[in-house]
Amino acid sequence: MSLNALTTTLDKLHKLHMSLLDLSKRKTTIIKASEMDQLDGVLKDEQRHLAAIQTVENDRQTHSKQYAESNGRSFDEPPTLLQCMETAPEEEKETLSDWHGKLTAVIAELKEQNELNQKLVYQSLQFVNMSLSALQPKENQTNYTRPNDDNKVPAPSRSLFDSKA
């Protein structure tokens, strides 16, 4: 197994991760603008990207195993890129190291972007909950009740909409 097949797969994996990063950045601007229709489309695109990444990752695992075996080392599970670097001849280690650095960098940036998106969505949900709380006034308890009154019948919950209208 040549290094060429493995690097071709790593290149595909890197391009897919870069594309996913672009989608994630686009999702950030959509979340900030509260464009829910566009957000749905971006989420579908992300799902397609993740499926493609999984397919290419399976190819990478196959090529990594074949590459390690061609260098005289076998693994029970598909080897990582670092394990492939350990088995590689000296002239190929630098190439694998470059790919490892590229993939690690893009995945770290993708992780940061996703954490930002998660925080933005959480803040949006907090705002929605606060708005709903402001629209639904709390019932004031005007009568005294015993603290251990177990026979109390629960009061019906208030609805946001008037069903009699």
N, C-alpha and C. Protein backbone atom coordinates (compact mmCIF):
# COMPACT_ATOMS: atom_id res chain seq x y z
N MET A 1 0.86 -1.18 0.00
CA MET A 1 0.00 0.00 0.00
C MET A 1 0.89 1.23 0.00
N SER A 2 0.64 2.11 -0.94
CA SER A 2 1.49 3.30 -1.03
C SER A 2 0.94 4.43 -0.17
N LEU A 3 1.81 5.36 0.08
CA LEU A 3 1.44 6.55 0.84
C LEU A 3 0.45 7.40 0.05
N ASN A 4 0.49 7.29 -1.27
CA ASN A 4 -0.36 8.11 -2.13
C ASN A 4 -1.85 7.88 -1.85
N ALA A 5 -2.27 6.64 -1.71
CA ALA A 5 -3.68 6.34 -1.45
C ALA A 5 -4.12 6.91 -0.10
N LEU A 6 -3.26 6.81 0.89
CA LEU A 6 -3.58 7.34 2.21
C LEU A 6 -3.66 8.86 2.19
N THR A 7 -2.71 9.52 1.52
CA THR A 7 -2.73 10.98 1.49
C THR A 7 -3.91 11.51 0.67
N THR A 8 -4.31 10.78 -0.35
CA THR A 8 -5.50 11.18 -1.11
C THR A 8 -6.73 11.15 -0.22
N THR A 9 -6.84 10.12 0.59
CA THR A 9 -7.96 10.02 1.53
C THR A 9 -7.88 11.12 2.59
N LEU A 10 -6.68 11.40 3.08
CA LEU A 10 -6.51 12.46 4.07
C LEU A 10 -6.86 13.83 3.48
N ASP A 11 -6.55 14.02 2.21
CA ASP A 11 -6.89 15.27 1.53
C ASP A 11 -8.41 15.43 1.45
N LYS A 12 -9.11 14.36 1.10
CA LYS A 12 -10.58 14.40 1.05
C LYS A 12 -11.15 14.72 2.43
N LEU A 13 -10.60 14.08 3.44
CA LEU A 13 -11.06 14.29 4.81
C LEU A 13 -10.84 15.75 5.23
N HIS A 14 -9.69 16.30 4.88
CA HIS A 14 -9.38 17.69 5.21
C HIS A 14 -10.34 18.65 4.50
N LYS A 15 -10.60 18.41 3.22
CA LYS A 15 -11.51 19.27 2.46
C LYS A 15 -12.92 19.23 3.04
N LEU A 16 -13.37 18.04 3.42
CA LEU A 16 -14.70 17.92 4.02
C LEU A 16 -14.78 18.66 5.35
N HIS A 17 -13.73 18.56 6.15
CA HIS A 17 -13.72 19.27 7.43
C HIS A 17 -13.68 20.79 7.21
N MET A 18 -12.95 21.25 6.22
CA MET A 18 -12.91 22.68 5.91
C MET A 18 -14.29 23.16 5.46
N SER A 19 -14.95 22.36 4.65
CA SER A 19 -16.29 22.71 4.20
C SER A 19 -17.27 22.74 5.37
N LEU A 20 -17.13 21.79 6.28
CA LEU A 20 -17.97 21.76 7.47
C LEU A 20 -17.70 22.98 8.35
N LEU A 21 -16.46 23.41 8.43
CA LEU A 21 -16.11 24.61 9.18
C LEU A 21 -16.77 25.84 8.56
N ASP A 22 -16.76 25.93 7.23
CA ASP A 22 -17.43 27.05 6.57
C ASP A 22 -18.93 27.04 6.88
N LEU A 23 -19.53 25.86 6.86
CA LEU A 23 -20.95 25.74 7.21
C LEU A 23 -21.19 26.18 8.65
N SER A 24 -20.30 25.82 9.53
CA SER A 24 -20.45 26.18 10.93
C SER A 24 -20.36 27.69 11.12
N LYS A 25 -19.48 28.34 10.38
CA LYS A 25 -19.37 29.80 10.44
C LYS A 25 -20.63 30.45 9.88
N ARG A 26 -21.14 29.87 8.81
CA ARG A 26 -22.39 30.37 8.23
C ARG A 26 -23.54 30.21 9.22
N LYS A 27 -23.52 29.09 9.94
CA LYS A 27 -24.56 28.84 10.94
C LYS A 27 -24.50 29.89 12.04
N THR A 28 -23.31 30.33 12.40
CA THR A 28 -23.17 31.37 13.42
C THR A 28 -23.87 32.65 12.99
N THR A 29 -23.64 33.09 11.76
CA THR A 29 -24.29 34.32 11.29
C THR A 29 -25.80 34.14 11.20
N ILE A 30 -26.25 32.95 10.83
CA ILE A 30 -27.69 32.69 10.74
C ILE A 30 -28.33 32.71 12.13
N ILE A 31 -27.65 32.14 13.10
CA ILE A 31 -28.17 32.14 14.48
C ILE A 31 -28.25 33.57 15.00
N LYS A 32 -27.21 34.36 14.73
CA LYS A 32 -27.20 35.75 15.18
C LYS A 32 -28.34 36.55 14.56
N ALA A 33 -28.67 36.23 13.30
CA ALA A 33 -29.73 36.94 12.59
C ALA A 33 -31.11 36.34 12.86
N SER A 34 -31.18 35.25 13.59
CA SER A 34 -32.43 34.55 13.91
C SER A 34 -33.19 34.12 12.65
N GLU A 35 -32.49 33.62 11.67
CA GLU A 35 -33.09 33.13 10.43
C GLU A 35 -33.34 31.63 10.55
N MET A 36 -34.46 31.25 11.10
CA MET A 36 -34.73 29.84 11.38
C MET A 36 -34.91 28.99 10.12
N ASP A 37 -35.45 29.59 9.05
CA ASP A 37 -35.62 28.84 7.81
C ASP A 37 -34.26 28.46 7.23
N GLN A 38 -33.34 29.40 7.24
CA GLN A 38 -32.00 29.13 6.72
C GLN A 38 -31.24 28.17 7.63
N LEU A 39 -31.50 28.25 8.92
CA LEU A 39 -30.83 27.36 9.87
C LEU A 39 -31.18 25.90 9.59
N ASP A 40 -32.43 25.66 9.24
CA ASP A 40 -32.86 24.30 8.92
C ASP A 40 -32.08 23.75 7.72
N GLY A 41 -31.88 24.57 6.71
CA GLY A 41 -31.11 24.15 5.54
C GLY A 41 -29.65 23.87 5.87
N VAL A 42 -29.06 24.70 6.71
CA VAL A 42 -27.67 24.51 7.11
C VAL A 42 -27.52 23.22 7.92
N LEU A 43 -28.49 22.95 8.78
CA LEU A 43 -28.43 21.71 9.57
C LEU A 43 -28.50 20.48 8.68
N LYS A 44 -29.31 20.54 7.63
CA LYS A 44 -29.38 19.42 6.68
C LYS A 44 -28.06 19.26 5.93
N ASP A 45 -27.45 20.39 5.54
CA ASP A 45 -26.14 20.34 4.88
C ASP A 45 -25.09 19.73 5.81
N GLU A 46 -25.15 20.11 7.09
CA GLU A 46 -24.20 19.55 8.06
C GLU A 46 -24.36 18.04 8.17
N GLN A 47 -25.60 17.56 8.17
CA GLN A 47 -25.83 16.12 8.26
C GLN A 47 -25.23 15.40 7.05
N ARG A 48 -25.39 16.00 5.87
CA ARG A 48 -24.79 15.40 4.67
C ARG A 48 -23.27 15.38 4.77
N HIS A 49 -22.70 16.47 5.27
CA HIS A 49 -21.24 16.53 5.44
C HIS A 49 -20.77 15.47 6.43
N LEU A 50 -21.49 15.32 7.53
CA LEU A 50 -21.09 14.33 8.53
C LEU A 50 -21.15 12.91 7.97
N ALA A 51 -22.16 12.64 7.15
CA ALA A 51 -22.25 11.32 6.52
C ALA A 51 -21.07 11.10 5.57
N ALA A 52 -20.72 12.12 4.81
CA ALA A 52 -19.59 12.01 3.88
C ALA A 52 -18.28 11.86 4.65
N ILE A 53 -18.13 12.59 5.75
CA ILE A 53 -16.93 12.47 6.57
C ILE A 53 -16.81 11.06 7.13
N GLN A 54 -17.91 10.49 7.56
CA GLN A 54 -17.88 9.12 8.10
C GLN A 54 -17.46 8.12 7.02
N THR A 55 -17.95 8.31 5.81
CA THR A 55 -17.57 7.42 4.71
C THR A 55 -16.08 7.53 4.41
N VAL A 56 -15.57 8.75 4.33
CA VAL A 56 -14.15 8.95 4.05
C VAL A 56 -13.30 8.47 5.22
N GLU A 57 -13.80 8.64 6.45
CA GLU A 57 -13.07 8.14 7.62
C GLU A 57 -12.95 6.62 7.57
N ASN A 58 -14.00 5.95 7.13
CA ASN A 58 -13.92 4.49 6.97
C ASN A 58 -12.86 4.12 5.94
N ASP A 59 -12.80 4.88 4.85
CA ASP A 59 -11.75 4.66 3.84
C ASP A 59 -10.37 4.90 4.44
N ARG A 60 -10.24 5.96 5.24
CA ARG A 60 -8.95 6.26 5.88
C ARG A 60 -8.52 5.13 6.78
N GLN A 61 -9.45 4.57 7.53
CA GLN A 61 -9.11 3.46 8.41
C GLN A 61 -8.62 2.26 7.61
N THR A 62 -9.29 1.99 6.51
CA THR A 62 -8.87 0.88 5.64
C THR A 62 -7.48 1.13 5.08
N HIS A 63 -7.26 2.34 4.55
CA HIS A 63 -5.96 2.67 3.96
C HIS A 63 -4.86 2.72 5.02
N SER A 64 -5.19 3.19 6.22
CA SER A 64 -4.20 3.23 7.31
C SER A 64 -3.76 1.82 7.68
N LYS A 65 -4.72 0.92 7.77
CA LYS A 65 -4.39 -0.46 8.13
C LYS A 65 -3.51 -1.10 7.05
N GLN A 66 -3.89 -0.89 5.79
CA GLN A 66 -3.10 -1.44 4.69
C GLN A 66 -1.70 -0.82 4.66
N TYR A 67 -1.62 0.48 4.92
CA TYR A 67 -0.32 1.15 4.92
C TYR A 67 0.57 0.61 6.03
N ALA A 68 0.02 0.46 7.23
CA ALA A 68 0.80 -0.06 8.35
C ALA A 68 1.25 -1.49 8.08
N GLU A 69 0.36 -2.29 7.50
CA GLU A 69 0.72 -3.68 7.18
C GLU A 69 1.80 -3.74 6.10
N SER A 70 1.76 -2.79 5.15
CA SER A 70 2.78 -2.78 4.10
C SER A 70 4.14 -2.37 4.66
N ASN A 71 4.12 -1.72 5.83
CA ASN A 71 5.37 -1.34 6.50
C ASN A 71 5.75 -2.34 7.58
N GLY A 72 5.10 -3.50 7.59
CA GLY A 72 5.50 -4.59 8.47
C GLY A 72 4.90 -4.56 9.86
N ARG A 73 3.83 -3.84 10.06
CA ARG A 73 3.21 -3.80 11.39
C ARG A 73 1.72 -3.99 11.24
N SER A 74 1.16 -4.85 12.07
CA SER A 74 -0.29 -5.06 12.01
C SER A 74 -0.93 -4.62 13.32
N PHE A 75 -2.17 -4.18 13.21
CA PHE A 75 -2.94 -3.72 14.35
C PHE A 75 -4.26 -4.47 14.39
N ASP A 76 -4.79 -4.65 15.60
CA ASP A 76 -6.10 -5.29 15.73
C ASP A 76 -7.19 -4.35 15.22
N GLU A 77 -7.06 -3.09 15.55
CA GLU A 77 -8.00 -2.08 15.09
C GLU A 77 -7.29 -1.18 14.09
N PRO A 78 -8.05 -0.45 13.28
CA PRO A 78 -7.39 0.44 12.32
C PRO A 78 -6.48 1.43 13.05
N PRO A 79 -5.26 1.59 12.57
CA PRO A 79 -4.30 2.47 13.25
C PRO A 79 -4.64 3.95 13.05
N THR A 80 -4.24 4.74 14.02
CA THR A 80 -4.39 6.19 13.91
C THR A 80 -3.29 6.72 13.00
N LEU A 81 -3.39 7.99 12.70
CA LEU A 81 -2.37 8.60 11.85
C LEU A 81 -1.02 8.62 12.56
N LEU A 82 -1.03 8.82 13.87
CA LEU A 82 0.22 8.78 14.64
C LEU A 82 0.85 7.39 14.61
N GLN A 83 0.03 6.36 14.69
CA GLN A 83 0.56 4.99 14.61
C GLN A 83 1.13 4.71 13.22
N CYS A 84 0.50 5.27 12.19
CA CYS A 84 1.04 5.12 10.83
C CYS A 84 2.38 5.82 10.72
N MET A 85 2.51 6.97 11.39
CA MET A 85 3.78 7.70 11.36
C MET A 85 4.89 6.88 12.01
N GLU A 86 4.55 6.13 13.06
CA GLU A 86 5.55 5.30 13.73
C GLU A 86 6.06 4.19 12.82
N THR A 87 5.19 3.68 11.95
CA THR A 87 5.59 2.57 11.08
C THR A 87 6.19 3.06 9.76
N ALA A 88 6.04 4.34 9.47
CA ALA A 88 6.45 4.88 8.17
C ALA A 88 7.96 5.00 8.05
N PRO A 89 8.47 4.85 6.83
CA PRO A 89 9.88 5.14 6.59
C PRO A 89 10.14 6.63 6.83
N GLU A 90 11.39 6.98 7.09
CA GLU A 90 11.75 8.36 7.45
C GLU A 90 11.29 9.39 6.41
N GLU A 91 11.39 9.06 5.13
CA GLU A 91 11.04 10.03 4.09
C GLU A 91 9.53 10.29 4.01
N GLU A 92 8.72 9.40 4.56
CA GLU A 92 7.26 9.57 4.52
C GLU A 92 6.70 10.14 5.83
N LYS A 93 7.51 10.15 6.88
CA LYS A 93 7.01 10.64 8.17
C LYS A 93 6.64 12.11 8.13
N GLU A 94 7.41 12.91 7.40
CA GLU A 94 7.13 14.35 7.34
C GLU A 94 5.80 14.62 6.65
N THR A 95 5.51 13.88 5.59
CA THR A 95 4.24 14.04 4.89
C THR A 95 3.08 13.72 5.81
N LEU A 96 3.19 12.60 6.52
CA LEU A 96 2.12 12.21 7.45
C LEU A 96 2.00 13.21 8.60
N SER A 97 3.13 13.73 9.05
CA SER A 97 3.11 14.73 10.12
C SER A 97 2.40 16.01 9.67
N ASP A 98 2.64 16.42 8.42
CA ASP A 98 1.96 17.60 7.88
C ASP A 98 0.44 17.40 7.85
N TRP A 99 0.02 16.21 7.39
CA TRP A 99 -1.42 15.92 7.34
C TRP A 99 -2.01 15.87 8.74
N HIS A 100 -1.26 15.32 9.67
CA HIS A 100 -1.73 15.26 11.06
C HIS A 100 -1.93 16.68 11.59
N GLY A 101 -0.99 17.57 11.32
CA GLY A 101 -1.10 18.95 11.77
C GLY A 101 -2.28 19.68 11.15
N LYS A 102 -2.48 19.48 9.83
CA LYS A 102 -3.59 20.13 9.14
C LYS A 102 -4.93 19.67 9.71
N LEU A 103 -5.09 18.36 9.85
CA LEU A 103 -6.36 17.83 10.35
C LEU A 103 -6.61 18.23 11.80
N THR A 104 -5.57 18.21 12.61
CA THR A 104 -5.73 18.60 14.01
C THR A 104 -6.14 20.06 14.12
N ALA A 105 -5.54 20.92 13.30
CA ALA A 105 -5.86 22.35 13.34
C ALA A 105 -7.30 22.61 12.92
N VAL A 106 -7.73 21.99 11.82
CA VAL A 106 -9.09 22.25 11.35
C VAL A 106 -10.13 21.68 12.31
N ILE A 107 -9.84 20.56 12.92
CA ILE A 107 -10.78 19.97 13.88
C ILE A 107 -10.86 20.82 15.15
N ALA A 108 -9.73 21.37 15.58
CA ALA A 108 -9.74 22.25 16.76
C ALA A 108 -10.55 23.52 16.47
N GLU A 109 -10.37 24.09 15.29
CA GLU A 109 -11.13 25.29 14.92
C GLU A 109 -12.62 24.98 14.80
N LEU A 110 -12.93 23.82 14.26
CA LEU A 110 -14.32 23.39 14.14
C LEU A 110 -14.95 23.20 15.51
N LYS A 111 -14.19 22.66 16.44
CA LYS A 111 -14.69 22.47 17.80
C LYS A 111 -15.00 23.82 18.45
N GLU A 112 -14.10 24.79 18.29
CA GLU A 112 -14.33 26.13 18.84
C GLU A 112 -15.58 26.77 18.25
N GLN A 113 -15.73 26.64 16.94
CA GLN A 113 -16.88 27.23 16.25
C GLN A 113 -18.18 26.58 16.73
N ASN A 114 -18.17 25.28 16.91
CA ASN A 114 -19.36 24.58 17.38
C ASN A 114 -19.70 24.96 18.82
N GLU A 115 -18.69 25.18 19.64
CA GLU A 115 -18.94 25.63 21.01
C GLU A 115 -19.57 27.02 21.01
N LEU A 116 -19.11 27.89 20.12
CA LEU A 116 -19.71 29.22 20.00
C LEU A 116 -21.17 29.11 19.58
N ASN A 117 -21.44 28.27 18.58
CA ASN A 117 -22.82 28.08 18.12
C ASN A 117 -23.70 27.53 19.24
N GLN A 118 -23.16 26.61 20.01
CA GLN A 118 -23.92 26.04 21.11
C GLN A 118 -24.27 27.12 22.14
N LYS A 119 -23.32 27.99 22.44
CA LYS A 119 -23.58 29.08 23.40
C LYS A 119 -24.63 30.05 22.86
N LEU A 120 -24.55 30.35 21.56
CA LEU A 120 -25.53 31.26 20.96
C LEU A 120 -26.94 30.67 21.00
N VAL A 121 -27.05 29.39 20.71
CA VAL A 121 -28.36 28.74 20.75
C VAL A 121 -28.89 28.71 22.18
N TYR A 122 -28.01 28.46 23.13
CA TYR A 122 -28.42 28.44 24.54
C TYR A 122 -28.93 29.81 24.97
N GLN A 123 -28.22 30.86 24.56
CA GLN A 123 -28.67 32.22 24.90
C GLN A 123 -30.01 32.54 24.25
N SER A 124 -30.20 32.07 23.02
CA SER A 124 -31.48 32.29 22.34
C SER A 124 -32.61 31.60 23.09
N LEU A 125 -32.35 30.38 23.55
CA LEU A 125 -33.37 29.66 24.32
C LEU A 125 -33.66 30.35 25.65
N GLN A 126 -32.64 30.88 26.28
CA GLN A 126 -32.86 31.63 27.52
C GLN A 126 -33.74 32.85 27.27
N PHE A 127 -33.50 33.53 26.16
CA PHE A 127 -34.31 34.70 25.82
C PHE A 127 -35.76 34.30 25.58
N VAL A 128 -35.98 33.20 24.87
CA VAL A 128 -37.34 32.73 24.61
C VAL A 128 -38.03 32.38 25.92
N ASN A 129 -37.34 31.68 26.80
CA ASN A 129 -37.92 31.32 28.10
C ASN A 129 -38.24 32.56 28.93
N MET A 130 -37.37 33.55 28.89
CA MET A 130 -37.61 34.78 29.62
C MET A 130 -38.83 35.51 29.05
N SER A 131 -38.95 35.52 27.73
CA SER A 131 -40.10 36.18 27.09
C SER A 131 -41.40 35.47 27.46
N LEU A 132 -41.38 34.14 27.46
CA LEU A 132 -42.58 33.39 27.84
C LEU A 132 -42.93 33.64 29.30
N SER A 133 -41.94 33.71 30.14
CA SER A 133 -42.20 33.98 31.56
C SER A 133 -42.81 35.37 31.75
N ALA A 134 -42.38 36.32 30.96
CA ALA A 134 -42.93 37.67 31.06
C ALA A 134 -44.38 37.71 30.58
N LEU A 135 -44.72 36.86 29.62
CA LEU A 135 -46.08 36.83 29.10
C LEU A 135 -47.04 36.09 30.03
N GLN A 136 -46.54 35.19 30.83
CA GLN A 136 -47.38 34.42 31.74
C GLN A 136 -47.15 34.90 33.16
N PRO A 137 -48.05 35.73 33.68
CA PRO A 137 -47.85 36.20 35.05
C PRO A 137 -48.04 35.06 36.05
N LYS A 138 -47.31 35.14 37.12
CA LYS A 138 -47.42 34.11 38.15
C LYS A 138 -48.66 34.36 38.99
N GLU A 139 -49.30 33.29 39.41
CA GLU A 139 -50.47 33.42 40.27
C GLU A 139 -50.01 33.80 41.67
N ASN A 140 -50.66 34.79 42.22
CA ASN A 140 -50.35 35.19 43.59
C ASN A 140 -51.20 34.39 44.55
N GLN A 141 -50.61 33.89 45.57
CA GLN A 141 -51.32 33.13 46.60
C GLN A 141 -51.85 34.13 47.61
N THR A 142 -53.16 34.37 47.60
CA THR A 142 -53.72 35.37 48.50
C THR A 142 -54.25 34.77 49.79
N ASN A 143 -54.55 33.50 49.81
CA ASN A 143 -55.07 32.84 51.00
C ASN A 143 -53.95 32.10 51.71
N TYR A 144 -54.10 32.04 53.00
CA TYR A 144 -53.14 31.26 53.78
C TYR A 144 -53.48 29.79 53.65
N THR A 145 -52.48 28.95 53.44
CA THR A 145 -52.67 27.50 53.44
C THR A 145 -51.68 26.89 54.39
N ARG A 146 -52.04 25.76 54.90
CA ARG A 146 -51.13 25.05 55.79
C ARG A 146 -49.93 24.54 55.00
N PRO A 147 -48.77 24.57 55.59
CA PRO A 147 -47.58 24.11 54.86
C PRO A 147 -47.62 22.62 54.54
N ASN A 148 -48.27 21.80 55.34
CA ASN A 148 -48.31 20.36 55.12
C ASN A 148 -49.69 19.91 54.67
N ASP A 149 -50.34 20.68 53.86
CA ASP A 149 -51.69 20.36 53.41
C ASP A 149 -51.60 19.40 52.23
N ASP A 150 -51.70 18.09 52.50
CA ASP A 150 -51.59 17.08 51.46
C ASP A 150 -52.89 16.87 50.71
N ASN A 151 -53.99 17.33 51.24
CA ASN A 151 -55.30 17.12 50.60
C ASN A 151 -55.61 18.19 49.57
N LYS A 152 -54.68 19.02 49.31
CA LYS A 152 -54.89 20.12 48.39
C LYS A 152 -55.03 19.60 46.96
N VAL A 153 -56.03 20.09 46.26
CA VAL A 153 -56.23 19.73 44.86
C VAL A 153 -55.41 20.71 44.03
N PRO A 154 -54.57 20.20 43.11
CA PRO A 154 -53.74 21.12 42.34
C PRO A 154 -54.60 22.02 41.46
N ALA A 155 -54.22 23.28 41.41
CA ALA A 155 -54.94 24.25 40.59
C ALA A 155 -54.63 23.99 39.12
N PRO A 156 -55.60 24.21 38.26
CA PRO A 156 -55.33 24.00 36.83
C PRO A 156 -54.27 24.99 36.36
N SER A 157 -53.41 24.52 35.47
CA SER A 157 -52.34 25.39 34.98
C SER A 157 -52.91 26.40 34.01
N ARG A 158 -52.30 27.55 33.99
CA ARG A 158 -52.76 28.60 33.10
C ARG A 158 -52.19 28.36 31.71
N SER A 159 -52.99 28.61 30.72
CA SER A 159 -52.57 28.44 29.35
C SER A 159 -52.15 29.79 28.78
N LEU A 160 -51.26 29.75 27.83
CA LEU A 160 -50.81 30.97 27.19
C LEU A 160 -51.91 31.55 26.31
N PHE A 161 -52.76 30.69 25.78
CA PHE A 161 -53.82 31.12 24.88
C PHE A 161 -55.18 30.91 25.54
N ASP A 162 -56.12 31.80 25.28
CA ASP A 162 -57.47 31.68 25.82
C ASP A 162 -58.24 30.73 24.92
N SER A 163 -58.61 29.57 25.44
CA SER A 163 -59.27 28.57 24.62
C SER A 163 -60.72 28.91 24.34
N LYS A 164 -61.29 29.87 25.07
CA LYS A 164 -62.68 30.26 24.85
C LYS A 164 -62.81 31.29 23.73
N ALA A 165 -61.73 31.84 23.31
CA ALA A 165 -61.81 32.89 22.30
C ALA A 165 -62.16 32.34 20.94
